[in-house]
């Protein structure tokens, strides 16, 4: 049966999180928001997708989705799947809107929202959760979904196919392991920069009691404050649990190295976004310094705002990162994430997706599970970020037990928001904003 996308609806949904300090870091203090997209079809099935923003400006991303929607509305699923790269390029390389990127920022995030909604629809029509839908796709279909333009100097289609074919070996055993034990995660809920010390201590103690053995804190304020808060968390979790740090790009390169020389005292597992997101060579220099400072115990992680597959290619080629943090909706949706997972596998770097915000945990659980089943095929160093915010607004929220993600079971990408939540938090006329 041919399925045609007949409508594209866009909602500006914002949650008032800034007042509580949730999500606060060295740069950001926002109202977690989503540019939320609903695709209607002549078959009655719907697809949902979104991109995450930090409040003001969400209306700009909504406008970008509307400007790109004509590339989606009226197309059939069969047409899209027959030429997936052509479809992806119709959005990411629109002959006029591309000038506003290219392949970065608002336009690319809007592309991701629409592309993810299409993939959600595809998985829903197939009756499978996204991770399963992707894992079951033939190698040739996965490779055909990747735009290799500008990355063949690092990854060719043949190399990608070899990685995916190898991932077919032992997949049933890996899946059985995940069903039994879940997927390892770490929590960022304990260490937002706007939290007072007593709240940091209480949240850390509770997280440890709940089973988390990896926790992340924000740094980038006064160094003495960062060190004091880090000592509190390390005191609560003991020497064996992992403590990660996230500077949210606030430091210069030399400043990052100086800060990490002091923070090395508390044995950090990684330093995330230590400098400007586009500074590939700066990240590489920090990575070399941090390796020396910690005898290899700490690594550089980044990717939360890495704009596209080309940035990730360069980070890997420059040996600038020891952890790749793909964001499910900063880049151009599932098609581009596939390229980035394959690049990471080629270079032997573990992927720990960025999450939190609105719905990112719901998204990235599928990506991490697929990565383990078909691409990376290992769990060493792999974790999914978990933030305990706003899951109640989703029809299929994440489920965790003992600090581990449980496998999603419902068809789709877990992206569908509850209608009541959309109505309550729609900006500017929802009751939450009156």
Protein backbone atom coordinates (compact mmCIF):
# COMPACT_ATOMS: atom_id res chain seq x y z
CA UNK A 1 0.00 0.00 0.00
CA UNK A 2 1.30 3.44 -0.92
CA UNK A 3 1.41 5.87 2.00
CA UNK A 4 1.39 9.60 1.26
CA UNK A 5 2.35 12.32 3.74
CA UNK A 6 -0.61 14.68 3.55
CA UNK A 7 0.14 17.25 6.26
CA UNK A 8 2.97 18.79 8.27
CA UNK A 9 2.00 20.47 11.54
CA UNK A 10 4.49 22.43 13.65
CA UNK A 11 4.12 23.29 17.35
CA UNK A 12 6.21 25.66 19.45
CA UNK A 13 6.38 23.87 22.82
CA UNK A 14 8.30 25.38 25.73
CA UNK A 15 8.74 24.33 29.35
CA UNK A 16 9.62 26.90 32.08
CA UNK A 17 12.78 25.23 33.42
CA UNK A 18 15.04 28.27 33.79
CA UNK A 19 13.58 29.41 37.10
CA UNK A 20 14.52 26.09 38.78
CA UNK A 21 18.07 26.04 37.45
CA UNK A 22 17.43 22.80 35.57
CA UNK A 23 19.81 22.62 32.63
CA UNK A 24 22.00 25.45 33.89
CA UNK A 25 25.66 25.44 32.89
CA UNK A 26 28.51 27.84 32.26
CA UNK A 27 26.73 29.42 29.28
CA UNK A 28 23.09 28.36 29.20
CA UNK A 29 20.08 28.93 31.43
CA UNK A 30 17.04 28.30 29.33
CA UNK A 31 13.48 27.14 29.09
CA UNK A 32 13.77 23.69 27.54
CA UNK A 33 11.78 23.77 24.32
CA UNK A 34 10.93 21.72 21.27
CA UNK A 35 10.05 22.52 17.70
CA UNK A 36 7.61 19.63 17.43
CA UNK A 37 6.50 18.21 14.08
CA UNK A 38 3.56 15.94 13.31
CA UNK A 39 3.20 14.26 9.92
CA UNK A 40 -0.25 13.13 8.83
CA UNK A 41 -0.82 10.47 6.16
CA UNK A 42 -3.63 9.15 4.02
CA UNK A 43 -3.22 5.82 5.83
CA UNK A 44 -4.08 7.32 9.23
CA UNK A 45 -0.62 6.67 10.66
CA UNK A 46 1.33 9.64 11.99
CA UNK A 47 4.99 10.47 12.39
CA UNK A 48 6.47 12.67 15.12
CA UNK A 49 9.79 14.46 15.28
CA UNK A 50 11.32 17.44 16.97
CA UNK A 51 14.42 19.46 17.52
CA UNK A 52 15.47 20.79 20.90
CA UNK A 53 16.07 24.47 21.64
CA UNK A 54 16.67 26.53 24.75
CA UNK A 55 13.60 28.80 24.70
CA UNK A 56 13.74 32.13 22.92
CA UNK A 57 14.37 31.45 19.26
CA UNK A 58 12.26 28.32 19.13
CA UNK A 59 9.91 30.29 16.89
CA UNK A 60 12.77 30.66 14.39
CA UNK A 61 13.26 26.90 14.18
CA UNK A 62 9.51 26.47 13.79
CA UNK A 63 9.61 28.92 10.88
CA UNK A 64 12.49 26.98 9.31
CA UNK A 65 10.49 23.73 9.51
CA UNK A 66 7.57 25.42 7.79
CA UNK A 67 9.91 26.73 5.09
CA UNK A 68 11.17 23.19 4.42
CA UNK A 69 7.87 21.36 4.84
CA UNK A 70 7.01 21.42 1.13
CA UNK A 71 9.85 18.94 0.56
CA UNK A 72 7.98 16.44 2.75
CA UNK A 73 4.27 17.09 2.29
CA UNK A 74 2.86 15.23 -0.70
CA UNK A 75 5.68 12.68 -0.87
CA UNK A 76 5.07 8.97 -0.48
CA UNK A 77 7.06 6.80 1.90
CA UNK A 78 7.90 4.58 -1.05
CA UNK A 79 9.36 7.53 -2.96
CA UNK A 80 11.44 8.58 0.05
CA UNK A 81 12.83 5.11 0.72
CA UNK A 82 13.62 4.53 -2.96
CA UNK A 83 16.02 7.51 -2.96
CA UNK A 84 16.79 8.35 0.67
CA UNK A 85 19.85 10.54 0.00
CA UNK A 86 17.98 12.54 -2.63
CA UNK A 87 15.21 13.12 -0.10
CA UNK A 88 17.70 14.10 2.60
CA UNK A 89 19.45 16.53 0.28
CA UNK A 90 16.17 18.13 -0.71
CA UNK A 91 16.05 19.35 2.90
CA UNK A 92 19.70 19.78 3.84
CA UNK A 93 20.68 21.30 0.49
CA UNK A 94 17.58 23.28 -0.48
CA UNK A 95 18.90 25.48 -3.26
CA UNK A 96 17.92 28.71 -1.49
CA UNK A 97 17.65 27.90 2.22
CA UNK A 98 21.03 26.13 2.22
CA UNK A 99 22.61 29.60 2.16
CA UNK A 100 21.45 30.02 5.78
CA UNK A 101 23.63 27.08 6.85
CA UNK A 102 24.98 25.25 5.08
CA UNK A 103 24.25 22.07 7.03
CA UNK A 104 24.40 23.77 10.39
CA UNK A 105 22.32 25.83 12.78
CA UNK A 106 18.60 26.46 12.55
CA UNK A 107 18.15 25.11 9.02
CA UNK A 108 19.93 21.86 9.79
CA UNK A 109 18.05 21.41 13.07
CA UNK A 110 14.78 21.95 11.20
CA UNK A 111 15.95 19.36 8.67
CA UNK A 112 16.56 16.95 11.55
CA UNK A 113 13.06 17.48 12.97
CA UNK A 114 11.44 16.62 9.63
CA UNK A 115 13.79 13.74 8.82
CA UNK A 116 13.30 12.20 12.25
CA UNK A 117 9.54 12.48 11.86
CA UNK A 118 9.77 10.54 8.60
CA UNK A 119 11.85 7.81 10.25
CA UNK A 120 9.39 7.66 13.15
CA UNK A 121 6.60 7.17 10.60
CA UNK A 122 8.56 4.44 8.82
CA UNK A 123 9.20 2.53 12.04
CA UNK A 124 5.60 2.99 13.15
CA UNK A 125 4.28 1.62 9.84
CA UNK A 126 6.65 -1.34 10.24
CA UNK A 127 5.35 -1.95 13.78
CA UNK A 128 8.85 -1.83 15.29
CA UNK A 129 10.68 0.39 17.77
CA UNK A 130 13.25 2.49 15.92
CA UNK A 131 16.26 0.58 17.23
CA UNK A 132 14.79 -2.68 15.96
CA UNK A 133 13.70 -1.15 12.66
CA UNK A 134 17.23 0.09 11.98
CA UNK A 135 18.92 -3.10 13.17
CA UNK A 136 16.73 -5.20 10.89
CA UNK A 137 17.39 -3.14 7.76
CA UNK A 138 19.61 -4.83 5.17
CA UNK A 139 23.13 -3.47 4.91
CA UNK A 140 22.49 -2.07 1.45
CA UNK A 141 19.48 -0.07 2.69
CA UNK A 142 21.47 1.43 5.56
CA UNK A 143 24.38 2.36 3.30
CA UNK A 144 21.97 3.85 0.76
CA UNK A 145 20.60 6.13 3.50
CA UNK A 146 23.97 7.79 4.14
CA UNK A 147 25.15 10.88 2.26
CA UNK A 148 28.86 10.16 1.78
CA UNK A 149 29.55 13.50 0.13
CA UNK A 150 32.52 15.18 1.85
CA UNK A 151 33.43 12.16 4.03
CA UNK A 152 34.80 9.57 1.59
CA UNK A 153 38.35 10.55 2.56
CA UNK A 154 37.51 9.02 5.95
CA UNK A 155 34.77 6.47 5.21
CA UNK A 156 33.74 4.90 1.90
CA UNK A 157 30.46 3.12 1.17
CA UNK A 158 32.33 -0.18 0.92
CA UNK A 159 33.90 0.36 4.35
CA UNK A 160 30.51 1.23 5.80
CA UNK A 161 29.00 -1.92 4.30
CA UNK A 162 31.80 -4.04 5.78
CA UNK A 163 31.16 -2.56 9.25
CA UNK A 164 27.42 -3.25 9.00
CA UNK A 165 27.88 -6.75 7.63
CA UNK A 166 30.25 -7.57 10.47
CA UNK A 167 27.60 -6.24 12.85
CA UNK A 168 25.24 -9.00 11.74
CA UNK A 169 27.49 -11.53 13.48
CA UNK A 170 26.47 -12.17 17.07
CA UNK A 171 23.61 -9.69 17.03
CA UNK A 172 21.16 -12.06 18.70
CA UNK A 173 23.51 -12.53 21.65
CA UNK A 174 24.01 -8.79 22.05
CA UNK A 175 20.26 -8.24 21.98
CA UNK A 176 19.70 -10.93 24.61
CA UNK A 177 22.26 -9.19 26.82
CA UNK A 178 20.45 -5.85 26.51
CA UNK A 179 17.09 -7.44 27.23
CA UNK A 180 18.50 -8.95 30.39
CA UNK A 181 20.68 -6.12 31.68
CA UNK A 182 19.64 -2.92 29.91
CA UNK A 183 22.04 -0.29 28.54
CA UNK A 184 24.51 1.49 30.82
CA UNK A 185 23.83 5.17 31.46
CA UNK A 186 25.10 8.15 33.36
CA UNK A 187 23.11 10.93 34.98
CA UNK A 188 23.61 14.67 34.60
CA UNK A 189 20.79 15.55 36.99
CA UNK A 190 23.12 15.91 40.00
CA UNK A 191 25.42 18.71 38.94
CA UNK A 192 23.79 21.62 37.15
CA UNK A 193 25.84 24.76 37.67
CA UNK A 194 22.94 26.67 39.20
CA UNK A 195 22.39 24.14 42.00
CA UNK A 196 23.65 24.97 45.54
CA UNK A 197 26.13 22.62 47.19
CA UNK A 198 23.60 20.98 49.50
CA UNK A 199 21.36 20.12 46.54
CA UNK A 200 24.32 18.71 44.61
CA UNK A 201 25.21 16.50 47.58
CA UNK A 202 21.64 15.33 48.12
CA UNK A 203 21.03 14.56 44.46
CA UNK A 204 24.35 12.74 44.14
CA UNK A 205 23.64 10.63 47.21
CA UNK A 206 20.19 9.73 45.88
CA UNK A 207 21.49 8.92 42.40
CA UNK A 208 24.10 6.61 43.86
CA UNK A 209 21.44 4.89 45.96
CA UNK A 210 19.31 4.48 42.83
CA UNK A 211 22.08 2.59 41.06
CA UNK A 212 23.97 5.16 39.01
CA UNK A 213 27.71 4.60 38.99
CA UNK A 214 28.53 7.34 36.48
CA UNK A 215 27.58 10.99 37.01
CA UNK A 216 28.29 14.25 35.24
CA UNK A 217 28.71 17.74 36.62
CA UNK A 218 28.90 21.13 34.97
CA UNK A 219 32.12 23.13 35.24
CA UNK A 220 33.26 26.44 33.85
CA UNK A 221 32.44 28.74 36.73
CA UNK A 222 35.14 29.98 39.12
CA UNK A 223 37.69 27.19 39.28
CA UNK A 224 37.60 27.03 43.08
CA UNK A 225 33.83 26.49 42.93
CA UNK A 226 34.18 23.79 40.29
CA UNK A 227 36.75 21.96 42.39
CA UNK A 228 34.69 22.27 45.58
CA UNK A 229 31.59 20.84 43.89
CA UNK A 230 33.64 18.08 42.24
CA UNK A 231 35.04 17.08 45.63
CA UNK A 232 31.50 16.85 47.02
CA UNK A 233 30.41 14.50 44.25
CA UNK A 234 33.56 12.38 44.46
CA UNK A 235 33.13 12.12 48.24
CA UNK A 236 29.59 10.81 47.75
CA UNK A 237 30.29 8.32 44.95
CA UNK A 238 33.63 6.99 46.13
CA UNK A 239 36.76 6.25 44.09
CA UNK A 240 35.34 3.60 41.76
CA UNK A 241 32.34 5.38 40.21
CA UNK A 242 32.87 7.59 37.15
CA UNK A 243 32.76 11.37 37.38
CA UNK A 244 32.45 13.28 34.10
CA UNK A 245 32.74 17.03 33.59
CA UNK A 246 31.15 19.36 31.04
CA UNK A 247 32.46 22.89 30.40
CA UNK A 248 29.93 23.76 27.66
CA UNK A 249 32.60 25.46 25.50
CA UNK A 250 33.32 28.27 27.98
CA UNK A 251 37.14 27.92 28.15
CA UNK A 252 39.90 29.01 25.80
CA UNK A 253 42.33 26.23 24.93
CA UNK A 254 45.03 27.23 27.44
CA UNK A 255 42.38 27.95 30.06
CA UNK A 256 40.97 24.46 29.59
CA UNK A 257 44.35 22.86 30.09
CA UNK A 258 44.99 24.93 33.23
CA UNK A 259 41.56 24.06 34.64
CA UNK A 260 41.99 20.37 34.00
CA UNK A 261 45.38 20.40 35.70
CA UNK A 262 43.53 21.38 38.89
CA UNK A 263 40.42 19.23 38.34
CA UNK A 264 42.54 16.14 37.67
CA UNK A 265 42.66 15.80 41.46
CA UNK A 266 39.16 14.23 41.46
CA UNK A 267 39.96 11.74 38.68
CA UNK A 268 37.53 12.84 35.92
CA UNK A 269 36.61 10.25 33.31
CA UNK A 270 36.11 12.86 30.60
CA UNK A 271 36.01 16.60 30.02
CA UNK A 272 33.18 17.50 27.68
CA UNK A 273 33.14 20.51 25.36
CA UNK A 274 36.29 22.05 26.86
CA UNK A 275 36.44 24.79 24.21
CA UNK A 276 34.63 26.17 21.17
CA UNK A 277 32.69 23.45 19.39
CA UNK A 278 34.26 24.21 16.00
CA UNK A 279 37.87 24.33 17.22
CA UNK A 280 39.09 20.97 15.97
CA UNK A 281 42.79 21.70 16.55
CA UNK A 282 42.05 23.18 19.97
CA UNK A 283 40.27 20.00 21.01
CA UNK A 284 43.22 17.97 19.74
CA UNK A 285 45.67 20.01 21.78
CA UNK A 286 43.52 19.72 24.90
CA UNK A 287 43.20 15.97 24.33
CA UNK A 288 46.97 15.56 24.23
CA UNK A 289 47.40 17.69 27.37
CA UNK A 290 44.67 15.91 29.33
CA UNK A 291 46.12 12.53 28.42
CA UNK A 292 49.47 13.65 29.79
CA UNK A 293 47.98 15.26 32.92
CA UNK A 294 46.02 12.15 33.88
CA UNK A 295 48.24 9.39 32.52
CA UNK A 296 45.53 8.56 30.03
CA UNK A 297 42.70 8.24 32.56
CA UNK A 298 40.75 11.25 31.25
CA UNK A 299 39.63 11.87 27.68
CA UNK A 300 37.99 14.66 25.70
CA UNK A 301 34.34 14.22 24.72
CA UNK A 302 32.28 16.40 22.42
CA UNK A 303 29.52 16.43 19.82
CA UNK A 304 26.50 18.01 21.50
CA UNK A 305 26.65 20.96 19.11
CA UNK A 306 28.85 19.46 16.40
CA UNK A 307 26.92 20.63 13.36
CA UNK A 308 27.33 17.77 10.91
CA UNK A 309 29.17 14.64 9.80
CA UNK A 310 32.08 16.70 8.42
CA UNK A 311 32.87 18.20 11.83
CA UNK A 312 32.82 14.73 13.35
CA UNK A 313 35.05 13.45 10.56
CA UNK A 314 37.65 16.09 11.37
CA UNK A 315 37.46 15.51 15.14
CA UNK A 316 38.20 11.85 14.51
CA UNK A 317 40.90 12.43 11.93
CA UNK A 318 42.67 14.88 14.27
CA UNK A 319 42.46 12.43 17.22
CA UNK A 320 40.73 15.25 19.08
CA UNK A 321 38.14 13.16 20.92
CA UNK A 322 38.08 9.95 22.89
CA UNK A 323 34.28 9.93 23.12
CA UNK A 324 31.81 10.94 20.41
CA UNK A 325 28.59 12.54 21.67
CA UNK A 326 26.18 12.52 18.76
CA UNK A 327 23.09 14.68 19.25
CA UNK A 328 19.99 13.20 17.62
CA UNK A 329 18.53 16.51 16.44
CA UNK A 330 21.45 18.95 16.20
CA UNK A 331 22.46 17.14 13.02
CA UNK A 332 20.21 16.31 10.07
CA UNK A 333 18.31 13.40 11.57
CA UNK A 334 18.78 9.65 11.40
CA UNK A 335 20.46 9.67 7.97
CA UNK A 336 23.32 11.82 9.21
CA UNK A 337 23.54 10.01 12.55
CA UNK A 338 24.13 6.79 10.60
CA UNK A 339 27.15 8.41 8.95
CA UNK A 340 28.50 9.54 12.31
CA UNK A 341 28.07 6.16 14.00
CA UNK A 342 29.89 4.52 11.11
CA UNK A 343 32.70 7.07 11.25
CA UNK A 344 33.13 6.42 14.98
CA UNK A 345 33.30 2.67 14.37
CA UNK A 346 35.88 3.16 11.62
CA UNK A 347 38.10 5.17 13.99
CA UNK A 348 37.45 3.00 17.06
CA UNK A 349 35.91 5.74 19.20
CA UNK A 350 32.96 4.89 21.48
CA UNK A 351 29.69 6.78 21.07
CA UNK A 352 27.93 8.14 24.15
CA UNK A 353 25.03 10.16 22.75
CA UNK A 354 24.14 13.55 24.15
CA UNK A 355 20.74 13.62 25.82
CA UNK A 356 18.64 15.57 28.30
CA UNK A 357 16.61 18.57 27.22
CA UNK A 358 13.20 17.78 25.79
CA UNK A 359 12.95 14.25 24.47
CA UNK A 360 16.62 13.69 23.68
CA UNK A 361 16.79 10.71 26.03
CA UNK A 362 13.79 9.25 24.21
CA UNK A 363 15.56 9.67 20.88
CA UNK A 364 19.10 8.57 21.63
CA UNK A 365 18.28 5.33 23.45
CA UNK A 366 17.31 3.93 20.04
CA UNK A 367 20.53 5.15 18.43
CA UNK A 368 22.79 3.69 21.14
CA UNK A 369 21.04 0.33 21.02
CA UNK A 370 21.28 0.18 17.22
CA UNK A 371 24.94 1.19 17.41
CA UNK A 372 25.66 -1.72 19.73
CA UNK A 373 23.68 -4.21 17.67
CA UNK A 374 24.93 -3.35 14.17
CA UNK A 375 27.79 -0.83 14.20
CA UNK A 376 30.05 -0.50 17.25
CA UNK A 377 29.15 -3.98 18.59
CA UNK A 378 30.87 -3.33 21.94
CA UNK A 379 29.88 -1.82 25.27
CA UNK A 380 33.29 -0.75 26.52
CA UNK A 381 33.12 2.96 27.30
CA UNK A 382 29.55 3.27 25.99
CA UNK A 383 26.85 4.97 28.05
CA UNK A 384 23.65 6.89 27.35
CA UNK A 385 23.19 10.22 29.09
CA UNK A 386 20.15 10.42 31.37
CA UNK A 387 18.51 13.54 32.74
CA UNK A 388 15.38 13.20 34.85
CA UNK A 389 13.39 16.02 33.24
CA UNK A 390 10.16 16.18 31.20
CA UNK A 391 9.76 12.49 30.32
CA UNK A 392 6.17 12.60 31.56
CA UNK A 393 5.19 14.61 28.48
CA UNK A 394 5.90 11.72 26.08
CA UNK A 395 3.62 8.86 25.15
CA UNK A 396 6.55 6.41 25.24
CA UNK A 397 8.97 7.78 27.86
CA UNK A 398 12.34 6.27 28.67
CA UNK A 399 12.43 3.59 31.33
CA UNK A 400 15.42 2.98 33.58
CA UNK A 401 16.26 0.51 36.31
CA UNK A 402 19.34 0.57 38.48
CA UNK A 403 20.99 3.26 36.39
CA UNK A 404 20.41 1.45 33.09
CA UNK A 405 18.07 2.11 30.18
CA UNK A 406 15.50 -0.57 29.41
CA UNK A 407 14.76 -1.36 25.78
CA UNK A 408 11.87 0.60 24.23
CA UNK A 409 9.12 -1.70 23.06
CA UNK A 410 6.55 0.50 21.30
CA UNK A 411 6.75 1.11 17.54
CA UNK A 412 8.44 4.33 16.41
CA UNK A 413 11.12 6.68 17.66
CA UNK A 414 9.54 7.42 21.09
CA UNK A 415 9.08 11.00 19.87
CA UNK A 416 5.31 11.45 20.26
CA UNK A 417 4.30 14.08 22.80
CA UNK A 418 1.02 13.91 24.71
CA UNK A 419 -1.64 16.22 23.23
CA UNK A 420 -2.38 17.60 26.69
CA UNK A 421 1.28 18.61 27.12
CA UNK A 422 1.33 20.32 23.74
CA UNK A 423 -1.79 22.27 24.66
CA UNK A 424 -0.51 23.21 28.13
CA UNK A 425 2.97 24.34 27.09
CA UNK A 426 2.35 25.68 23.59
CA UNK A 427 3.98 29.11 23.29
CA UNK A 428 2.77 31.81 23.70
CA UNK A 429 -0.88 30.93 24.25
CA UNK A 430 -0.70 27.75 26.37
CA UNK A 431 -1.88 28.07 30.00
CA UNK A 432 1.70 27.61 31.27
CA UNK A 433 2.69 30.87 29.54
CA UNK A 434 -0.29 33.09 30.27
